[in-house]
């Protein structure tokens, strides 16, 4: 069996954390211990990201990874978890809720609510960032040692880049540069949109929270959060003032609180 990189800590009902495109489980580090005070918390590197190798049998993208994660959770005796997803991971969380695998879903800036223009913008922005990370490599690692360097390099992803530590920034950039499943997962976004009126399965029967940073420039807050409200009118929709696409270091207490509040609705 292929070894999957993950972090597992705490005890209690399970919360599973799923990262986005070009990321890795460490993106959730600012909230991990807060959640683990009350729950067992499992943060996983998807195949082809972080330290998990790509798998030929896994189709990268929200639906393919949701199918794979369903099996991985079962193999690891993780039953009916609360699934928390970021970006692509938010789409995966929604799919696991739709399939009845998740007992609750919290999605931070989930994919699937873009139009064609928005998807192309996201495609181009993330591809450009990955290209820079791969080309510059060690130079970017040195640049993030300085506050101005973190602002210049991380403002597209974080609302408050000065709250990202240099070590965390280097991990983020290395994850983006080294993700072997990046291209396949990115291209799959063209096949993944969520529309008003489609069958949402079991998602309507569980607590669902959709959170969006008001400074998200990857999956644009103003337009895509509005579409999410139309598609998922039964969910709780929350704006995170001043937060970016990855809000966990921007407002760790607020992000952890949203997750725990959703758990209490179960």
C-alpha atoms as a PDB file:
ATOM      1  CA  UNK A   1       0.000   0.000   0.000  1.00  0.00           C
ATOM      2  CA  UNK A   2       1.327   3.433  -0.938  1.00  0.00           C
ATOM      3  CA  UNK A   3       2.332   5.448   2.109  1.00  0.00           C
ATOM      4  CA  UNK A   4       0.250   8.614   2.479  1.00  0.00           C
ATOM      5  CA  UNK A   5       1.773  11.525   4.382  1.00  0.00           C
ATOM      6  CA  UNK A   6      -0.511  12.799   7.103  1.00  0.00           C
ATOM      7  CA  UNK A   7      -0.660  14.201  10.619  1.00  0.00           C
ATOM      8  CA  UNK A   8      -2.948  12.620  13.212  1.00  0.00           C
ATOM      9  CA  UNK A   9      -3.352  14.041  16.709  1.00  0.00           C
ATOM     10  CA  UNK A  10      -5.851  14.552  19.517  1.00  0.00           C
ATOM     11  CA  UNK A  11      -8.822  12.402  20.469  1.00  0.00           C
ATOM     12  CA  UNK A  12     -12.571  12.523  20.102  1.00  0.00           C
ATOM     13  CA  UNK A  13     -14.820  12.697  17.056  1.00  0.00           C
ATOM     14  CA  UNK A  14     -12.720  12.990  13.887  1.00  0.00           C
ATOM     15  CA  UNK A  15     -12.037  16.120  11.861  1.00  0.00           C
ATOM     16  CA  UNK A  16     -10.292  15.596   8.520  1.00  0.00           C
ATOM     17  CA  UNK A  17      -8.442  18.530   6.927  1.00  0.00           C
ATOM     18  CA  UNK A  18      -7.951  18.593   3.145  1.00  0.00           C
ATOM     19  CA  UNK A  19      -5.634  21.086   1.440  1.00  0.00           C
ATOM     20  CA  UNK A  20      -5.914  22.772  -1.919  1.00  0.00           C
ATOM     21  CA  UNK A  21      -4.062  22.822  -5.239  1.00  0.00           C
ATOM     22  CA  UNK A  22      -0.295  23.025  -4.826  1.00  0.00           C
ATOM     23  CA  UNK A  23      -0.541  22.868  -1.051  1.00  0.00           C
ATOM     24  CA  UNK A  24       0.080  20.289   1.688  1.00  0.00           C
ATOM     25  CA  UNK A  25      -1.285  19.399   5.095  1.00  0.00           C
ATOM     26  CA  UNK A  26       0.945  21.927   6.874  1.00  0.00           C
ATOM     27  CA  UNK A  27      -1.230  24.788   5.581  1.00  0.00           C
ATOM     28  CA  UNK A  28      -3.524  23.970   8.525  1.00  0.00           C
ATOM     29  CA  UNK A  29      -0.765  24.194  11.147  1.00  0.00           C
ATOM     30  CA  UNK A  30      -2.135  27.425  12.702  1.00  0.00           C
ATOM     31  CA  UNK A  31      -5.406  25.683  13.645  1.00  0.00           C
ATOM     32  CA  UNK A  32      -4.332  22.070  14.215  1.00  0.00           C
ATOM     33  CA  UNK A  33      -3.666  22.225  17.933  1.00  0.00           C
ATOM     34  CA  UNK A  34      -6.735  24.368  18.567  1.00  0.00           C
ATOM     35  CA  UNK A  35      -8.930  21.684  16.987  1.00  0.00           C
ATOM     36  CA  UNK A  36      -7.043  18.810  18.604  1.00  0.00           C
ATOM     37  CA  UNK A  37      -7.908  20.099  22.081  1.00  0.00           C
ATOM     38  CA  UNK A  38     -11.404  18.648  21.520  1.00  0.00           C
ATOM     39  CA  UNK A  39     -11.176  16.258  18.546  1.00  0.00           C
ATOM     40  CA  UNK A  40      -9.033  13.769  16.736  1.00  0.00           C
ATOM     41  CA  UNK A  41      -7.599  15.745  13.830  1.00  0.00           C
ATOM     42  CA  UNK A  42      -6.269  14.146  10.651  1.00  0.00           C
ATOM     43  CA  UNK A  43      -4.572  16.356   8.059  1.00  0.00           C
ATOM     44  CA  UNK A  44      -3.606  14.546   4.877  1.00  0.00           C
ATOM     45  CA  UNK A  45      -1.365  15.162   1.865  1.00  0.00           C
ATOM     46  CA  UNK A  46      -3.356  14.190  -1.217  1.00  0.00           C
ATOM     47  CA  UNK A  47      -1.591  11.892  -3.713  1.00  0.00           C
ATOM     48  CA  UNK A  48       0.793  13.973  -5.793  1.00  0.00           C
ATOM     49  CA  UNK A  49       1.077  16.755  -3.192  1.00  0.00           C
ATOM     50  CA  UNK A  50       3.340  17.291  -0.207  1.00  0.00           C
ATOM     51  CA  UNK A  51       5.084  14.054   0.753  1.00  0.00           C
ATOM     52  CA  UNK A  52       2.440  11.747  -0.755  1.00  0.00           C
ATOM     53  CA  UNK A  53       3.464  10.248  -4.111  1.00  0.00           C
ATOM     54  CA  UNK A  54       1.080  10.380  -7.042  1.00  0.00           C
ATOM     55  CA  UNK A  55      -0.916   7.233  -7.735  1.00  0.00           C
ATOM     56  CA  UNK A  56      -1.801   5.998 -11.208  1.00  0.00           C
ATOM     57  CA  UNK A  57      -5.217   4.830 -10.003  1.00  0.00           C
ATOM     58  CA  UNK A  58      -6.210   8.253  -8.615  1.00  0.00           C
ATOM     59  CA  UNK A  59      -7.685  10.933 -10.866  1.00  0.00           C
ATOM     60  CA  UNK A  60      -6.538  14.318  -9.534  1.00  0.00           C
ATOM     61  CA  UNK A  61      -9.327  16.848  -9.041  1.00  0.00           C
ATOM     62  CA  UNK A  62     -12.221  17.340  -6.600  1.00  0.00           C
ATOM     63  CA  UNK A  63     -14.281  14.296  -7.592  1.00  0.00           C
ATOM     64  CA  UNK A  64     -11.340  11.948  -8.138  1.00  0.00           C
ATOM     65  CA  UNK A  65      -9.734  12.865  -4.837  1.00  0.00           C
ATOM     66  CA  UNK A  66     -13.093  12.557  -3.051  1.00  0.00           C
ATOM     67  CA  UNK A  67     -13.379   8.999  -4.376  1.00  0.00           C
ATOM     68  CA  UNK A  68      -9.834   8.206  -3.260  1.00  0.00           C
ATOM     69  CA  UNK A  69     -10.287   9.800   0.165  1.00  0.00           C
ATOM     70  CA  UNK A  70     -13.471   7.794   0.756  1.00  0.00           C
ATOM     71  CA  UNK A  71     -11.419   4.610   0.472  1.00  0.00           C
ATOM     72  CA  UNK A  72      -8.470   5.957   2.482  1.00  0.00           C
ATOM     73  CA  UNK A  73     -10.724   7.000   5.357  1.00  0.00           C
ATOM     74  CA  UNK A  74     -12.343   3.569   5.415  1.00  0.00           C
ATOM     75  CA  UNK A  75      -8.954   1.836   5.332  1.00  0.00           C
ATOM     76  CA  UNK A  76      -7.854   3.909   8.329  1.00  0.00           C
ATOM     77  CA  UNK A  77     -11.086   3.325  10.279  1.00  0.00           C
ATOM     78  CA  UNK A  78     -12.112   7.000  10.161  1.00  0.00           C
ATOM     79  CA  UNK A  79     -15.911   6.973  10.101  1.00  0.00           C
ATOM     80  CA  UNK A  80     -18.241   9.877   9.298  1.00  0.00           C
ATOM     81  CA  UNK A  81     -15.697  12.650   9.923  1.00  0.00           C
ATOM     82  CA  UNK A  82     -16.319  16.361   9.833  1.00  0.00           C
ATOM     83  CA  UNK A  83     -14.415  17.275   6.643  1.00  0.00           C
ATOM     84  CA  UNK A  84     -12.733  20.672   6.429  1.00  0.00           C
ATOM     85  CA  UNK A  85     -11.400  21.697   3.040  1.00  0.00           C
ATOM     86  CA  UNK A  86      -9.443  24.615   1.625  1.00  0.00           C
ATOM     87  CA  UNK A  87      -9.879  25.649  -2.033  1.00  0.00           C
ATOM     88  CA  UNK A  88      -9.722  22.380  -4.023  1.00  0.00           C
ATOM     89  CA  UNK A  89     -10.026  20.667  -0.660  1.00  0.00           C
ATOM     90  CA  UNK A  90     -13.267  22.582  -0.164  1.00  0.00           C
ATOM     91  CA  UNK A  91     -14.635  21.011  -3.336  1.00  0.00           C
ATOM     92  CA  UNK A  92     -13.506  17.609  -2.083  1.00  0.00           C
ATOM     93  CA  UNK A  93     -15.267  18.242   1.238  1.00  0.00           C
ATOM     94  CA  UNK A  94     -18.474  19.189  -0.574  1.00  0.00           C
ATOM     95  CA  UNK A  95     -18.307  15.990  -2.628  1.00  0.00           C
ATOM     96  CA  UNK A  96     -17.789  13.891   0.504  1.00  0.00           C
ATOM     97  CA  UNK A  97     -20.800  15.591   2.064  1.00  0.00           C
ATOM     98  CA  UNK A  98     -22.849  14.954  -1.063  1.00  0.00           C
ATOM     99  CA  UNK A  99     -21.876  11.256  -0.979  1.00  0.00           C
ATOM    100  CA  UNK A 100     -22.819  10.840   2.683  1.00  0.00           C
ATOM    101  CA  UNK A 101     -19.220  10.205   3.776  1.00  0.00           C
ATOM    102  CA  UNK A 102     -18.902  13.417   5.833  1.00  0.00           C
ATOM    103  CA  UNK A 103     -21.019  14.152   8.892  1.00  0.00           C
ATOM    104  CA  UNK A 104     -20.411  17.907   8.430  1.00  0.00           C
ATOM    105  CA  UNK A 105     -18.560  20.105   5.943  1.00  0.00           C
ATOM    106  CA  UNK A 106     -16.623  23.326   6.439  1.00  0.00           C
ATOM    107  CA  UNK A 107     -15.226  24.680   3.167  1.00  0.00           C
ATOM    108  CA  UNK A 108     -12.894  27.662   3.017  1.00  0.00           C
ATOM    109  CA  UNK A 109     -13.003  29.336  -0.436  1.00  0.00           C
ATOM    110  CA  UNK A 110     -14.053  26.139  -2.227  1.00  0.00           C
ATOM    111  CA  UNK A 111     -13.560  25.615  -5.948  1.00  0.00           C
ATOM    112  CA  UNK A 112     -16.535  25.063  -8.222  1.00  0.00           C
ATOM    113  CA  UNK A 113     -18.285  28.420  -8.004  1.00  0.00           C
ATOM    114  CA  UNK A 114     -16.332  30.185 -10.754  1.00  0.00           C
ATOM    115  CA  UNK A 115     -17.501  31.097 -14.219  1.00  0.00           C
ATOM    116  CA  UNK A 116     -15.256  30.550 -17.219  1.00  0.00           C
ATOM    117  CA  UNK A 117     -13.412  33.828 -16.710  1.00  0.00           C
ATOM    118  CA  UNK A 118     -12.915  33.186 -13.020  1.00  0.00           C
ATOM    119  CA  UNK A 119     -11.605  29.696 -13.628  1.00  0.00           C
ATOM    120  CA  UNK A 120      -9.144  30.946 -16.234  1.00  0.00           C
ATOM    121  CA  UNK A 121      -7.953  33.639 -13.818  1.00  0.00           C
ATOM    122  CA  UNK A 122      -7.347  31.046 -11.106  1.00  0.00           C
ATOM    123  CA  UNK A 123      -5.637  28.738 -13.605  1.00  0.00           C
ATOM    124  CA  UNK A 124      -3.283  31.492 -14.770  1.00  0.00           C
ATOM    125  CA  UNK A 125      -2.499  32.887 -11.322  1.00  0.00           C
ATOM    126  CA  UNK A 126      -1.633  29.547  -9.735  1.00  0.00           C
ATOM    127  CA  UNK A 127       0.308  28.397 -12.796  1.00  0.00           C
ATOM    128  CA  UNK A 128       2.340  31.605 -12.717  1.00  0.00           C
ATOM    129  CA  UNK A 129       3.051  31.271  -9.009  1.00  0.00           C
ATOM    130  CA  UNK A 130       4.126  27.661  -9.455  1.00  0.00           C
ATOM    131  CA  UNK A 131       6.401  28.613 -12.349  1.00  0.00           C
ATOM    132  CA  UNK A 132       8.068  31.314 -10.249  1.00  0.00           C
ATOM    133  CA  UNK A 133       8.500  28.945  -7.303  1.00  0.00           C
ATOM    134  CA  UNK A 134      10.113  26.306  -9.511  1.00  0.00           C
ATOM    135  CA  UNK A 135      12.342  28.758 -11.374  1.00  0.00           C
ATOM    136  CA  UNK A 136      13.568  30.872  -8.464  1.00  0.00           C
ATOM    137  CA  UNK A 137      13.625  28.115  -5.840  1.00  0.00           C
ATOM    138  CA  UNK A 138      16.247  28.955  -3.182  1.00  0.00           C
ATOM    139  CA  UNK A 139      16.102  32.682  -3.974  1.00  0.00           C
ATOM    140  CA  UNK A 140      12.438  32.788  -2.958  1.00  0.00           C
ATOM    141  CA  UNK A 141      13.303  30.815   0.159  1.00  0.00           C
ATOM    142  CA  UNK A 142      15.753  33.527   1.158  1.00  0.00           C
ATOM    143  CA  UNK A 143      13.380  36.344   0.227  1.00  0.00           C
ATOM    144  CA  UNK A 144      10.699  35.193   2.669  1.00  0.00           C
ATOM    145  CA  UNK A 145      13.121  35.667   5.548  1.00  0.00           C
ATOM    146  CA  UNK A 146      12.250  39.348   5.255  1.00  0.00           C
ATOM    147  CA  UNK A 147       8.849  40.912   5.917  1.00  0.00           C
ATOM    148  CA  UNK A 148       8.826  42.819   2.620  1.00  0.00           C
ATOM    149  CA  UNK A 149       9.673  39.618   0.761  1.00  0.00           C
ATOM    150  CA  UNK A 150       6.735  37.797   2.321  1.00  0.00           C
ATOM    151  CA  UNK A 151       4.403  40.641   1.354  1.00  0.00           C
ATOM    152  CA  UNK A 152       5.670  40.593  -2.234  1.00  0.00           C
ATOM    153  CA  UNK A 153       5.512  36.819  -2.665  1.00  0.00           C
ATOM    154  CA  UNK A 154       2.551  35.793  -0.526  1.00  0.00           C
ATOM    155  CA  UNK A 155      -0.042  38.577  -0.887  1.00  0.00           C
ATOM    156  CA  UNK A 156      -1.924  36.640  -3.562  1.00  0.00           C
ATOM    157  CA  UNK A 157      -2.622  33.830  -1.090  1.00  0.00           C
ATOM    158  CA  UNK A 158      -2.700  35.474   2.339  1.00  0.00           C
ATOM    159  CA  UNK A 159      -4.534  38.569   3.520  1.00  0.00           C
ATOM    160  CA  UNK A 160      -1.889  39.187   6.205  1.00  0.00           C
ATOM    161  CA  UNK A 161       1.427  37.836   4.865  1.00  0.00           C
ATOM    162  CA  UNK A 162       3.379  39.209   7.828  1.00  0.00           C
ATOM    163  CA  UNK A 163       1.671  36.579  10.005  1.00  0.00           C
ATOM    164  CA  UNK A 164       3.222  33.758   7.954  1.00  0.00           C
ATOM    165  CA  UNK A 165       6.524  32.626   9.434  1.00  0.00           C
ATOM    166  CA  UNK A 166       9.522  32.317   7.093  1.00  0.00           C
ATOM    167  CA  UNK A 167       9.627  28.568   7.762  1.00  0.00           C
ATOM    168  CA  UNK A 168       5.957  28.166   6.861  1.00  0.00           C
ATOM    169  CA  UNK A 169       6.426  30.288   3.740  1.00  0.00           C
ATOM    170  CA  UNK A 170       9.282  28.079   2.561  1.00  0.00           C
ATOM    171  CA  UNK A 171       7.161  24.968   3.097  1.00  0.00           C
ATOM    172  CA  UNK A 172       4.304  26.531   1.126  1.00  0.00           C
ATOM    173  CA  UNK A 173       6.560  27.496  -1.792  1.00  0.00           C
ATOM    174  CA  UNK A 174       8.282  24.091  -1.825  1.00  0.00           C
ATOM    175  CA  UNK A 175       4.907  22.368  -1.846  1.00  0.00           C
ATOM    176  CA  UNK A 176       3.726  24.468  -4.761  1.00  0.00           C
ATOM    177  CA  UNK A 177       6.916  23.874  -6.755  1.00  0.00           C
ATOM    178  CA  UNK A 178       7.106  20.144  -6.073  1.00  0.00           C
ATOM    179  CA  UNK A 179       3.493  19.043  -6.497  1.00  0.00           C
ATOM    180  CA  UNK A 180       3.609  16.321  -9.153  1.00  0.00           C
ATOM    181  CA  UNK A 181      -0.192  16.210  -9.547  1.00  0.00           C
ATOM    182  CA  UNK A 182      -0.534  19.981  -9.925  1.00  0.00           C
ATOM    183  CA  UNK A 183      -1.162  20.116 -13.671  1.00  0.00           C
ATOM    184  CA  UNK A 184      -3.668  17.254 -13.780  1.00  0.00           C
ATOM    185  CA  UNK A 185      -5.616  18.587 -10.790  1.00  0.00           C
ATOM    186  CA  UNK A 186      -5.609  22.142 -12.152  1.00  0.00           C
ATOM    187  CA  UNK A 187      -6.858  21.035 -15.548  1.00  0.00           C
ATOM    188  CA  UNK A 188      -9.645  19.025 -13.919  1.00  0.00           C
ATOM    189  CA  UNK A 189     -11.166  22.272 -12.616  1.00  0.00           C
ATOM    190  CA  UNK A 190     -12.652  22.720 -16.097  1.00  0.00           C
ATOM    191  CA  UNK A 191     -14.820  19.681 -15.353  1.00  0.00           C
ATOM    192  CA  UNK A 192     -15.892  20.806 -11.899  1.00  0.00           C
ATOM    193  CA  UNK A 193     -18.562  23.439 -11.374  1.00  0.00           C
ATOM    194  CA  UNK A 194     -21.487  23.571  -8.973  1.00  0.00           C
ATOM    195  CA  UNK A 195     -24.741  25.031 -10.280  1.00  0.00           C
ATOM    196  CA  UNK A 196     -28.154  25.976  -8.962  1.00  0.00           C
ATOM    197  CA  UNK A 197     -30.594  23.076  -9.128  1.00  0.00           C
ATOM    198  CA  UNK A 198     -28.193  20.160  -9.313  1.00  0.00           C
ATOM    199  CA  UNK A 199     -28.509  17.121  -7.071  1.00  0.00           C
ATOM    200  CA  UNK A 200     -26.605  17.753  -3.851  1.00  0.00           C
ATOM    201  CA  UNK A 201     -27.332  14.357  -2.344  1.00  0.00           C
ATOM    202  CA  UNK A 202     -26.783  14.085   1.403  1.00  0.00           C
ATOM    203  CA  UNK A 203     -25.225  17.542   1.615  1.00  0.00           C
ATOM    204  CA  UNK A 204     -28.601  19.037   2.494  1.00  0.00           C
ATOM    205  CA  UNK A 205     -28.877  16.762   5.526  1.00  0.00           C
ATOM    206  CA  UNK A 206     -25.696  17.810   7.349  1.00  0.00           C
ATOM    207  CA  UNK A 207     -24.250  21.059   8.762  1.00  0.00           C
ATOM    208  CA  UNK A 208     -22.439  22.996   6.029  1.00  0.00           C
ATOM    209  CA  UNK A 209     -20.389  26.163   6.490  1.00  0.00           C
ATOM    210  CA  UNK A 210     -18.846  28.041   3.566  1.00  0.00           C
ATOM    211  CA  UNK A 211     -16.270  30.670   4.545  1.00  0.00           C
ATOM    212  CA  UNK A 212     -14.603  33.191   2.247  1.00  0.00           C
ATOM    213  CA  UNK A 213     -11.832  35.696   2.909  1.00  0.00           C
ATOM    214  CA  UNK A 214     -12.868  39.135   1.722  1.00  0.00           C
ATOM    215  CA  UNK A 215      -9.360  39.640   0.296  1.00  0.00           C
ATOM    216  CA  UNK A 216      -9.354  36.371  -1.644  1.00  0.00           C
ATOM    217  CA  UNK A 217      -7.947  37.142  -5.102  1.00  0.00           C
ATOM    218  CA  UNK A 218      -7.494  33.498  -6.151  1.00  0.00           C
ATOM    219  CA  UNK A 219     -11.164  32.503  -6.045  1.00  0.00           C
ATOM    220  CA  UNK A 220     -12.636  35.982  -6.060  1.00  0.00           C
ATOM    221  CA  UNK A 221     -14.699  36.632  -2.937  1.00  0.00           C
ATOM    222  CA  UNK A 222     -17.310  39.000  -4.321  1.00  0.00           C
ATOM    223  CA  UNK A 223     -18.505  36.899  -7.244  1.00  0.00           C
ATOM    224  CA  UNK A 224     -17.793  33.345  -6.153  1.00  0.00           C
ATOM    225  CA  UNK A 225     -19.131  33.621  -2.623  1.00  0.00           C
ATOM    226  CA  UNK A 226     -22.312  35.049  -4.148  1.00  0.00           C
ATOM    227  CA  UNK A 227     -22.632  32.002  -6.420  1.00  0.00           C
ATOM    228  CA  UNK A 228     -22.017  29.714  -3.453  1.00  0.00           C
ATOM    229  CA  UNK A 229     -24.897  31.332  -1.604  1.00  0.00           C
ATOM    230  CA  UNK A 230     -27.183  30.704  -4.574  1.00  0.00           C
ATOM    231  CA  UNK A 231     -26.150  27.072  -5.028  1.00  0.00           C
ATOM    232  CA  UNK A 232     -26.101  26.227  -1.300  1.00  0.00           C
ATOM    233  CA  UNK A 233     -28.861  28.361   0.249  1.00  0.00           C
ATOM    234  CA  UNK A 234     -29.209  25.958   3.186  1.00  0.00           C
ATOM    235  CA  UNK A 235     -25.558  26.419   4.261  1.00  0.00           C
ATOM    236  CA  UNK A 236     -24.152  28.953   6.681  1.00  0.00           C
ATOM    237  CA  UNK A 237     -22.116  31.480   4.683  1.00  0.00           C
ATOM    238  CA  UNK A 238     -19.451  33.503   6.468  1.00  0.00           C
ATOM    239  CA  UNK A 239     -17.223  36.338   5.264  1.00  0.00           C
ATOM    240  CA  UNK A 240     -13.770  36.576   6.870  1.00  0.00           C
ATOM    241  CA  UNK A 241     -12.860  40.297   6.834  1.00  0.00           C
ATOM    242  CA  UNK A 242      -9.296  41.026   5.756  1.00  0.00           C
ATOM    243  CA  UNK A 243      -8.459  37.374   5.135  1.00  0.00           C
ATOM    244  CA  UNK A 244      -7.027  35.986   1.937  1.00  0.00           C
ATOM    245  CA  UNK A 245      -7.424  32.727   0.068  1.00  0.00           C
ATOM    246  CA  UNK A 246      -5.641  30.829   2.842  1.00  0.00           C
ATOM    247  CA  UNK A 247      -7.059  32.381   6.020  1.00  0.00           C
ATOM    248  CA  UNK A 248      -5.603  30.024   8.621  1.00  0.00           C
ATOM    249  CA  UNK A 249      -2.606  32.167   9.559  1.00  0.00           C
ATOM    250  CA  UNK A 250      -4.573  35.374   8.929  1.00  0.00           C
ATOM    251  CA  UNK A 251      -7.146  34.542  11.631  1.00  0.00           C
ATOM    252  CA  UNK A 252      -6.398  31.171  13.266  1.00  0.00           C
ATOM    253  CA  UNK A 253      -8.772  31.655  16.197  1.00  0.00           C
ATOM    254  CA  UNK A 254     -11.634  32.658  13.912  1.00  0.00           C
ATOM    255  CA  UNK A 255     -11.058  29.763  11.501  1.00  0.00           C
ATOM    256  CA  UNK A 256     -10.876  27.213  14.312  1.00  0.00           C
ATOM    257  CA  UNK A 257     -14.013  28.665  15.874  1.00  0.00           C
ATOM    258  CA  UNK A 258     -15.968  28.267  12.613  1.00  0.00           C
ATOM    259  CA  UNK A 259     -14.989  24.603  12.419  1.00  0.00           C
ATOM    260  CA  UNK A 260     -15.884  23.901  16.029  1.00  0.00           C
ATOM    261  CA  UNK A 261     -19.194  25.730  15.713  1.00  0.00           C
ATOM    262  CA  UNK A 262     -20.061  23.547  12.750  1.00  0.00           C
ATOM    263  CA  UNK A 263     -19.235  20.425  14.746  1.00  0.00           C
ATOM    264  CA  UNK A 264     -21.631  21.513  17.479  1.00  0.00           C
ATOM    265  CA  UNK A 265     -24.468  21.658  14.938  1.00  0.00           C
ATOM    266  CA  UNK A 266     -24.139  17.919  14.234  1.00  0.00           C
END
